[in-house]
């Protein structure tokens, strides 16, 4: 599945897995994926999310971290399950990349999260100014 992901999109998934390990999470959730995307320099996310700035990204990071249940740290060598919710996010991101770049970019992952409307990460993105159609148009214009 990840062979179509760009280096930055793969890095986001890697950081999500690392966050799952650090928090002792039993599975990698869309919230952890979003947190993983916020671990690297977030200039791309700022550009993609309408009216978002570095302070807004810091607040979103803090909101996510406050909601993640804490457990004992898990070794990175242990497989952590990916729930159906995150699998759908990946599938949505792949669908979105089919309309343009053919390679899944971090913006496609954001669209995937927004399309998984019931998840907490989608709510956080919307509350911080992310709009599905605006984001989709920005990704299409990058072709």
N, C-alpha and C. Protein backbone atom coordinates (compact mmCIF):
# COMPACT_ATOMS: atom_id res chain seq x y z
N UNK A 1 0.82 -1.20 0.00
CA UNK A 1 0.00 0.00 0.00
C UNK A 1 0.86 1.26 0.00
N UNK A 2 1.95 1.27 0.74
CA UNK A 2 2.73 2.48 0.92
C UNK A 2 3.68 2.78 -0.23
N UNK A 3 3.75 1.90 -1.22
CA UNK A 3 4.64 2.15 -2.35
C UNK A 3 4.22 3.39 -3.14
N UNK A 4 2.95 3.77 -3.06
CA UNK A 4 2.48 4.97 -3.77
C UNK A 4 2.61 6.23 -2.92
N UNK A 5 3.06 6.10 -1.69
CA UNK A 5 3.20 7.24 -0.79
C UNK A 5 4.52 7.96 -1.07
N UNK A 6 4.47 9.29 -1.09
CA UNK A 6 5.69 10.08 -1.22
C UNK A 6 6.54 9.90 0.03
N UNK A 7 7.77 10.35 -0.05
CA UNK A 7 8.66 10.27 1.11
C UNK A 7 8.06 10.98 2.31
N UNK A 8 7.48 12.17 2.10
CA UNK A 8 6.88 12.92 3.21
C UNK A 8 5.65 12.21 3.79
N UNK A 9 4.86 11.58 2.94
CA UNK A 9 3.69 10.84 3.42
C UNK A 9 4.15 9.61 4.22
N UNK A 10 5.17 8.93 3.73
CA UNK A 10 5.70 7.78 4.47
C UNK A 10 6.27 8.21 5.81
N UNK A 11 6.93 9.34 5.79
CA UNK A 11 7.52 9.87 7.03
C UNK A 11 6.41 10.15 8.05
N UNK A 12 5.28 10.68 7.59
CA UNK A 12 4.16 10.94 8.49
C UNK A 12 3.66 9.65 9.13
N UNK A 13 3.57 8.58 8.33
CA UNK A 13 3.13 7.28 8.85
C UNK A 13 4.17 6.75 9.84
N UNK A 14 5.45 6.89 9.51
CA UNK A 14 6.50 6.46 10.43
C UNK A 14 6.41 7.21 11.75
N UNK A 15 6.23 8.52 11.69
CA UNK A 15 6.13 9.31 12.92
C UNK A 15 4.87 8.95 13.70
N UNK A 16 3.78 8.61 13.01
CA UNK A 16 2.56 8.17 13.69
C UNK A 16 2.85 6.89 14.47
N UNK A 17 3.60 5.98 13.83
CA UNK A 17 3.96 4.73 14.51
C UNK A 17 4.84 5.01 15.71
N UNK A 18 5.78 5.94 15.57
CA UNK A 18 6.66 6.30 16.69
C UNK A 18 5.85 6.93 17.82
N UNK A 19 4.87 7.75 17.49
CA UNK A 19 4.01 8.35 18.51
C UNK A 19 3.20 7.28 19.23
N UNK A 20 2.69 6.30 18.48
CA UNK A 20 1.96 5.19 19.10
C UNK A 20 2.84 4.48 20.12
N UNK A 21 4.10 4.26 19.75
CA UNK A 21 5.05 3.62 20.65
C UNK A 21 5.26 4.47 21.91
N UNK A 22 5.50 5.75 21.71
CA UNK A 22 5.79 6.65 22.84
C UNK A 22 4.61 6.75 23.81
N UNK A 23 3.40 6.77 23.27
CA UNK A 23 2.21 6.91 24.11
C UNK A 23 1.70 5.56 24.63
N UNK A 24 2.28 4.47 24.14
CA UNK A 24 1.80 3.16 24.55
C UNK A 24 0.43 2.86 23.98
N UNK A 25 0.14 3.40 22.80
CA UNK A 25 -1.17 3.22 22.17
C UNK A 25 -1.32 1.81 21.64
N UNK A 26 -2.52 1.27 21.75
CA UNK A 26 -2.79 -0.09 21.30
C UNK A 26 -2.97 -0.17 19.79
N UNK A 27 -3.21 0.97 19.14
CA UNK A 27 -3.36 1.00 17.69
C UNK A 27 -2.97 2.38 17.17
N UNK A 28 -2.70 2.45 15.88
CA UNK A 28 -2.34 3.72 15.25
C UNK A 28 -3.63 4.34 14.72
N UNK A 29 -4.00 5.46 15.26
CA UNK A 29 -5.26 6.11 14.93
C UNK A 29 -5.05 7.28 13.98
N UNK A 30 -6.12 7.81 13.39
CA UNK A 30 -5.98 9.02 12.57
C UNK A 30 -5.40 10.19 13.37
N UNK A 31 -5.70 10.23 14.66
CA UNK A 31 -5.15 11.30 15.51
C UNK A 31 -3.64 11.17 15.60
N UNK A 32 -3.14 9.94 15.73
CA UNK A 32 -1.69 9.73 15.76
C UNK A 32 -1.06 10.05 14.41
N UNK A 33 -1.78 9.76 13.32
CA UNK A 33 -1.28 10.13 11.99
C UNK A 33 -1.16 11.65 11.89
N UNK A 34 -2.19 12.35 12.32
CA UNK A 34 -2.13 13.82 12.30
C UNK A 34 -1.00 14.32 13.19
N UNK A 35 -0.83 13.73 14.35
CA UNK A 35 0.27 14.10 15.23
C UNK A 35 1.61 13.81 14.56
N UNK A 36 1.70 12.69 13.85
CA UNK A 36 2.91 12.38 13.11
C UNK A 36 3.20 13.41 12.04
N UNK A 37 2.15 13.91 11.39
CA UNK A 37 2.32 14.94 10.36
C UNK A 37 2.79 16.25 10.97
N UNK A 38 2.47 16.46 12.23
CA UNK A 38 2.87 17.70 12.90
C UNK A 38 4.28 17.61 13.49
N UNK A 39 4.92 16.46 13.42
CA UNK A 39 6.26 16.30 13.98
C UNK A 39 7.35 16.87 13.09
N UNK A 40 7.11 16.87 11.81
CA UNK A 40 8.12 17.38 10.90
C UNK A 40 7.86 18.87 10.68
N UNK A 41 8.78 19.59 10.05
CA UNK A 41 8.49 20.99 9.77
C UNK A 41 7.14 21.09 9.07
N UNK A 42 6.27 21.88 9.64
CA UNK A 42 4.86 21.88 9.25
C UNK A 42 4.51 22.94 8.21
N UNK A 43 5.48 23.48 7.52
CA UNK A 43 5.18 24.53 6.54
C UNK A 43 4.19 24.07 5.49
N UNK A 44 4.31 22.82 5.06
CA UNK A 44 3.38 22.29 4.06
C UNK A 44 1.96 22.27 4.62
N UNK A 45 1.81 21.88 5.88
CA UNK A 45 0.47 21.86 6.47
C UNK A 45 -0.09 23.26 6.62
N UNK A 46 0.75 24.20 7.00
CA UNK A 46 0.30 25.59 7.13
C UNK A 46 -0.22 26.09 5.79
N UNK A 47 0.48 25.76 4.73
CA UNK A 47 0.08 26.19 3.39
C UNK A 47 -1.24 25.55 2.97
N UNK A 48 -1.45 24.31 3.36
CA UNK A 48 -2.63 23.59 2.93
C UNK A 48 -3.88 23.91 3.74
N UNK A 49 -3.70 24.25 5.01
CA UNK A 49 -4.85 24.52 5.87
C UNK A 49 -5.08 26.02 5.91
N UNK A 50 -6.24 26.42 5.48
CA UNK A 50 -6.63 27.82 5.40
C UNK A 50 -6.47 28.51 6.75
N UNK A 51 -5.78 29.64 6.75
CA UNK A 51 -5.61 30.49 7.92
C UNK A 51 -4.91 29.80 9.09
N UNK A 52 -4.09 28.81 8.83
CA UNK A 52 -3.36 28.12 9.90
C UNK A 52 -1.96 28.73 9.99
N UNK A 53 -1.50 28.89 11.21
CA UNK A 53 -0.13 29.36 11.43
C UNK A 53 0.57 28.39 12.39
N UNK A 54 1.82 28.64 12.66
CA UNK A 54 2.60 27.74 13.53
C UNK A 54 1.98 27.62 14.92
N UNK A 55 1.46 28.72 15.46
CA UNK A 55 0.81 28.66 16.78
C UNK A 55 -0.42 27.77 16.74
N UNK A 56 -1.18 27.84 15.65
CA UNK A 56 -2.36 26.98 15.50
C UNK A 56 -1.98 25.52 15.44
N UNK A 57 -0.88 25.22 14.75
CA UNK A 57 -0.41 23.84 14.69
C UNK A 57 0.05 23.36 16.06
N UNK A 58 0.71 24.24 16.82
CA UNK A 58 1.12 23.87 18.19
C UNK A 58 -0.09 23.58 19.06
N UNK A 59 -1.13 24.40 18.94
CA UNK A 59 -2.36 24.17 19.72
C UNK A 59 -3.00 22.84 19.33
N UNK A 60 -3.04 22.56 18.03
CA UNK A 60 -3.63 21.30 17.57
C UNK A 60 -2.81 20.13 18.11
N UNK A 61 -1.50 20.23 18.08
CA UNK A 61 -0.63 19.19 18.61
C UNK A 61 -0.93 18.95 20.09
N UNK A 62 -1.07 20.03 20.85
CA UNK A 62 -1.37 19.92 22.28
C UNK A 62 -2.74 19.28 22.51
N UNK A 63 -3.72 19.64 21.68
CA UNK A 63 -5.06 19.06 21.82
C UNK A 63 -5.01 17.55 21.57
N UNK A 64 -4.31 17.14 20.56
CA UNK A 64 -4.22 15.72 20.25
C UNK A 64 -3.51 14.99 21.40
N UNK A 65 -2.39 15.52 21.83
CA UNK A 65 -1.63 14.86 22.90
C UNK A 65 -2.44 14.76 24.18
N UNK A 66 -3.28 15.74 24.48
CA UNK A 66 -4.10 15.71 25.69
C UNK A 66 -5.17 14.62 25.63
N UNK A 67 -5.60 14.25 24.43
CA UNK A 67 -6.67 13.27 24.28
C UNK A 67 -6.18 11.83 24.15
N UNK A 68 -4.91 11.63 23.87
CA UNK A 68 -4.40 10.28 23.65
C UNK A 68 -4.20 9.59 25.00
N UNK A 69 -4.85 8.42 25.16
CA UNK A 69 -4.65 7.67 26.41
C UNK A 69 -3.18 7.23 26.53
N UNK A 70 -2.67 7.28 27.72
CA UNK A 70 -1.28 6.92 27.97
C UNK A 70 -1.20 5.47 28.45
N UNK A 71 -0.20 4.78 27.96
CA UNK A 71 0.10 3.43 28.41
C UNK A 71 1.60 3.30 28.54
N UNK A 72 2.05 2.09 28.76
CA UNK A 72 3.49 1.85 28.83
C UNK A 72 4.07 1.91 27.42
N UNK A 73 5.23 2.52 27.30
CA UNK A 73 5.87 2.64 26.00
C UNK A 73 6.03 1.27 25.36
N UNK A 74 5.81 1.23 24.05
CA UNK A 74 5.89 -0.01 23.29
C UNK A 74 7.11 0.05 22.38
N UNK A 75 7.84 -1.03 22.31
CA UNK A 75 9.00 -1.09 21.43
C UNK A 75 8.60 -0.85 19.99
N UNK A 76 9.44 -0.16 19.24
CA UNK A 76 9.17 0.07 17.82
C UNK A 76 9.19 -1.21 17.00
N UNK A 77 9.76 -2.27 17.56
CA UNK A 77 9.82 -3.54 16.83
C UNK A 77 8.51 -4.33 16.94
N UNK A 78 7.61 -3.90 17.82
CA UNK A 78 6.32 -4.58 18.00
C UNK A 78 5.32 -4.04 16.99
N UNK A 79 4.61 -4.94 16.32
CA UNK A 79 3.57 -4.50 15.39
C UNK A 79 2.41 -3.88 16.17
N UNK A 80 1.99 -2.70 15.72
CA UNK A 80 0.84 -2.03 16.31
C UNK A 80 -0.26 -2.04 15.25
N UNK A 81 -1.44 -2.54 15.61
CA UNK A 81 -2.51 -2.66 14.61
C UNK A 81 -2.95 -1.30 14.04
N UNK A 82 -3.43 -1.36 12.81
CA UNK A 82 -4.02 -0.20 12.14
C UNK A 82 -5.52 -0.47 12.07
N UNK A 83 -6.34 0.32 12.77
CA UNK A 83 -7.77 0.07 12.78
C UNK A 83 -8.42 0.42 11.43
N UNK A 84 -9.63 -0.05 11.24
CA UNK A 84 -10.37 0.21 10.00
C UNK A 84 -10.47 1.70 9.70
N UNK A 85 -10.64 2.51 10.72
CA UNK A 85 -10.75 3.96 10.55
C UNK A 85 -9.53 4.52 9.83
N UNK A 86 -8.34 4.11 10.23
CA UNK A 86 -7.12 4.60 9.58
C UNK A 86 -6.93 3.96 8.21
N UNK A 87 -7.31 2.71 8.06
CA UNK A 87 -7.25 2.07 6.75
C UNK A 87 -8.10 2.85 5.74
N UNK A 88 -9.29 3.30 6.18
CA UNK A 88 -10.14 4.10 5.29
C UNK A 88 -9.47 5.42 4.95
N UNK A 89 -8.80 6.04 5.92
CA UNK A 89 -8.07 7.29 5.66
C UNK A 89 -7.04 7.06 4.56
N UNK A 90 -6.28 5.97 4.65
CA UNK A 90 -5.30 5.64 3.62
C UNK A 90 -5.97 5.41 2.27
N UNK A 91 -7.09 4.68 2.27
CA UNK A 91 -7.81 4.42 1.02
C UNK A 91 -8.33 5.71 0.40
N UNK A 92 -8.87 6.60 1.23
CA UNK A 92 -9.33 7.91 0.73
C UNK A 92 -8.17 8.69 0.14
N UNK A 93 -7.01 8.67 0.81
CA UNK A 93 -5.84 9.41 0.32
C UNK A 93 -5.40 8.86 -1.04
N UNK A 94 -5.42 7.56 -1.19
CA UNK A 94 -5.05 6.96 -2.47
C UNK A 94 -6.06 7.35 -3.55
N UNK A 95 -7.35 7.32 -3.23
CA UNK A 95 -8.39 7.77 -4.17
C UNK A 95 -8.14 9.20 -4.61
N UNK A 96 -7.85 10.07 -3.67
CA UNK A 96 -7.62 11.48 -3.97
C UNK A 96 -6.40 11.67 -4.84
N UNK A 97 -5.36 10.87 -4.62
CA UNK A 97 -4.15 11.01 -5.44
C UNK A 97 -4.41 10.55 -6.87
N UNK A 98 -5.39 9.67 -7.07
CA UNK A 98 -5.72 9.20 -8.42
C UNK A 98 -6.27 10.31 -9.31
N UNK A 99 -6.77 11.38 -8.71
CA UNK A 99 -7.32 12.48 -9.51
C UNK A 99 -6.25 13.48 -9.91
N UNK A 100 -5.03 13.26 -9.51
CA UNK A 100 -4.00 14.26 -9.82
C UNK A 100 -2.61 13.68 -9.89
N UNK A 101 -1.88 13.78 -8.79
CA UNK A 101 -0.45 13.50 -8.77
C UNK A 101 -0.08 12.02 -8.86
N UNK A 102 -0.99 11.14 -8.56
CA UNK A 102 -0.76 9.69 -8.56
C UNK A 102 0.10 9.22 -7.40
N UNK A 103 0.78 10.11 -6.72
CA UNK A 103 1.57 9.78 -5.54
C UNK A 103 0.88 10.41 -4.34
N UNK A 104 0.71 9.64 -3.30
CA UNK A 104 0.05 10.16 -2.10
C UNK A 104 0.98 11.13 -1.40
N UNK A 105 0.50 12.35 -1.24
CA UNK A 105 1.22 13.42 -0.56
C UNK A 105 0.60 13.64 0.82
N UNK A 106 1.28 14.35 1.73
CA UNK A 106 0.66 14.64 3.02
C UNK A 106 -0.71 15.32 2.90
N UNK A 107 -0.88 16.17 1.90
CA UNK A 107 -2.19 16.80 1.70
C UNK A 107 -3.28 15.80 1.42
N UNK A 108 -2.95 14.72 0.72
CA UNK A 108 -3.93 13.66 0.47
C UNK A 108 -4.30 12.96 1.78
N UNK A 109 -3.30 12.80 2.66
CA UNK A 109 -3.60 12.20 3.96
C UNK A 109 -4.54 13.11 4.76
N UNK A 110 -4.32 14.43 4.68
CA UNK A 110 -5.23 15.36 5.36
C UNK A 110 -6.65 15.23 4.81
N UNK A 111 -6.77 15.13 3.48
CA UNK A 111 -8.08 14.95 2.87
C UNK A 111 -8.69 13.65 3.35
N UNK A 112 -7.89 12.60 3.42
CA UNK A 112 -8.39 11.31 3.91
C UNK A 112 -8.92 11.42 5.32
N UNK A 113 -8.21 12.15 6.17
CA UNK A 113 -8.69 12.35 7.54
C UNK A 113 -10.00 13.11 7.53
N UNK A 114 -10.09 14.17 6.74
CA UNK A 114 -11.32 14.96 6.69
C UNK A 114 -12.49 14.14 6.15
N UNK A 115 -12.23 13.24 5.22
CA UNK A 115 -13.29 12.39 4.68
C UNK A 115 -13.78 11.38 5.71
N UNK A 116 -12.93 11.02 6.66
CA UNK A 116 -13.33 10.12 7.76
C UNK A 116 -13.94 11.02 8.84
N UNK A 117 -15.09 11.58 8.51
CA UNK A 117 -15.69 12.70 9.22
C UNK A 117 -15.91 12.47 10.71
N UNK A 118 -16.14 11.24 11.13
CA UNK A 118 -16.45 10.99 12.53
C UNK A 118 -15.26 10.91 13.45
N UNK A 119 -14.06 10.94 12.91
CA UNK A 119 -12.89 10.79 13.79
C UNK A 119 -12.52 12.14 14.42
N UNK A 120 -11.89 12.04 15.57
CA UNK A 120 -11.49 13.23 16.31
C UNK A 120 -10.52 14.10 15.52
N UNK A 121 -9.63 13.48 14.77
CA UNK A 121 -8.65 14.24 13.99
C UNK A 121 -9.35 15.12 12.96
N UNK A 122 -10.41 14.60 12.32
CA UNK A 122 -11.16 15.40 11.35
C UNK A 122 -11.81 16.59 12.04
N UNK A 123 -12.36 16.37 13.21
CA UNK A 123 -12.96 17.47 13.97
C UNK A 123 -11.95 18.55 14.33
N UNK A 124 -10.75 18.13 14.73
CA UNK A 124 -9.70 19.09 15.05
C UNK A 124 -9.28 19.88 13.82
N UNK A 125 -9.14 19.19 12.70
CA UNK A 125 -8.77 19.90 11.47
C UNK A 125 -9.83 20.93 11.09
N UNK A 126 -11.10 20.51 11.14
CA UNK A 126 -12.18 21.45 10.79
C UNK A 126 -12.22 22.63 11.77
N UNK A 127 -12.06 22.35 13.05
CA UNK A 127 -12.08 23.42 14.06
C UNK A 127 -10.94 24.40 13.87
N UNK A 128 -9.88 23.95 13.20
CA UNK A 128 -8.72 24.82 12.97
C UNK A 128 -8.65 25.34 11.54
N UNK A 129 -9.78 25.32 10.86
CA UNK A 129 -9.87 25.99 9.57
C UNK A 129 -9.71 25.13 8.33
N UNK A 130 -9.50 23.83 8.48
CA UNK A 130 -9.34 22.98 7.30
C UNK A 130 -10.71 22.71 6.68
N UNK A 131 -10.79 22.88 5.37
CA UNK A 131 -12.02 22.61 4.64
C UNK A 131 -11.71 21.63 3.53
N UNK A 132 -12.51 20.58 3.44
CA UNK A 132 -12.26 19.50 2.49
C UNK A 132 -12.13 20.01 1.06
N UNK A 133 -13.09 20.78 0.59
CA UNK A 133 -13.05 21.22 -0.81
C UNK A 133 -11.90 22.18 -1.09
N UNK A 134 -11.59 23.05 -0.15
CA UNK A 134 -10.46 23.97 -0.33
C UNK A 134 -9.15 23.17 -0.41
N UNK A 135 -9.00 22.22 0.48
CA UNK A 135 -7.80 21.39 0.48
C UNK A 135 -7.71 20.57 -0.80
N UNK A 136 -8.83 20.02 -1.24
CA UNK A 136 -8.86 19.24 -2.48
C UNK A 136 -8.43 20.11 -3.67
N UNK A 137 -8.93 21.34 -3.74
CA UNK A 137 -8.57 22.24 -4.84
C UNK A 137 -7.07 22.59 -4.80
N UNK A 138 -6.55 22.79 -3.62
CA UNK A 138 -5.11 23.10 -3.49
C UNK A 138 -4.27 21.92 -3.96
N UNK A 139 -4.69 20.72 -3.63
CA UNK A 139 -3.94 19.55 -4.07
C UNK A 139 -4.05 19.37 -5.60
N UNK A 140 -5.22 19.62 -6.16
CA UNK A 140 -5.40 19.50 -7.61
C UNK A 140 -4.57 20.54 -8.36
N UNK A 141 -4.40 21.72 -7.77
CA UNK A 141 -3.65 22.77 -8.44
C UNK A 141 -2.15 22.48 -8.44
N UNK A 142 -1.70 21.51 -7.66
CA UNK A 142 -0.28 21.17 -7.59
C UNK A 142 0.15 20.17 -8.66
N UNK A 143 -0.77 19.73 -9.47
CA UNK A 143 -0.43 18.73 -10.50
C UNK A 143 0.67 19.19 -11.39
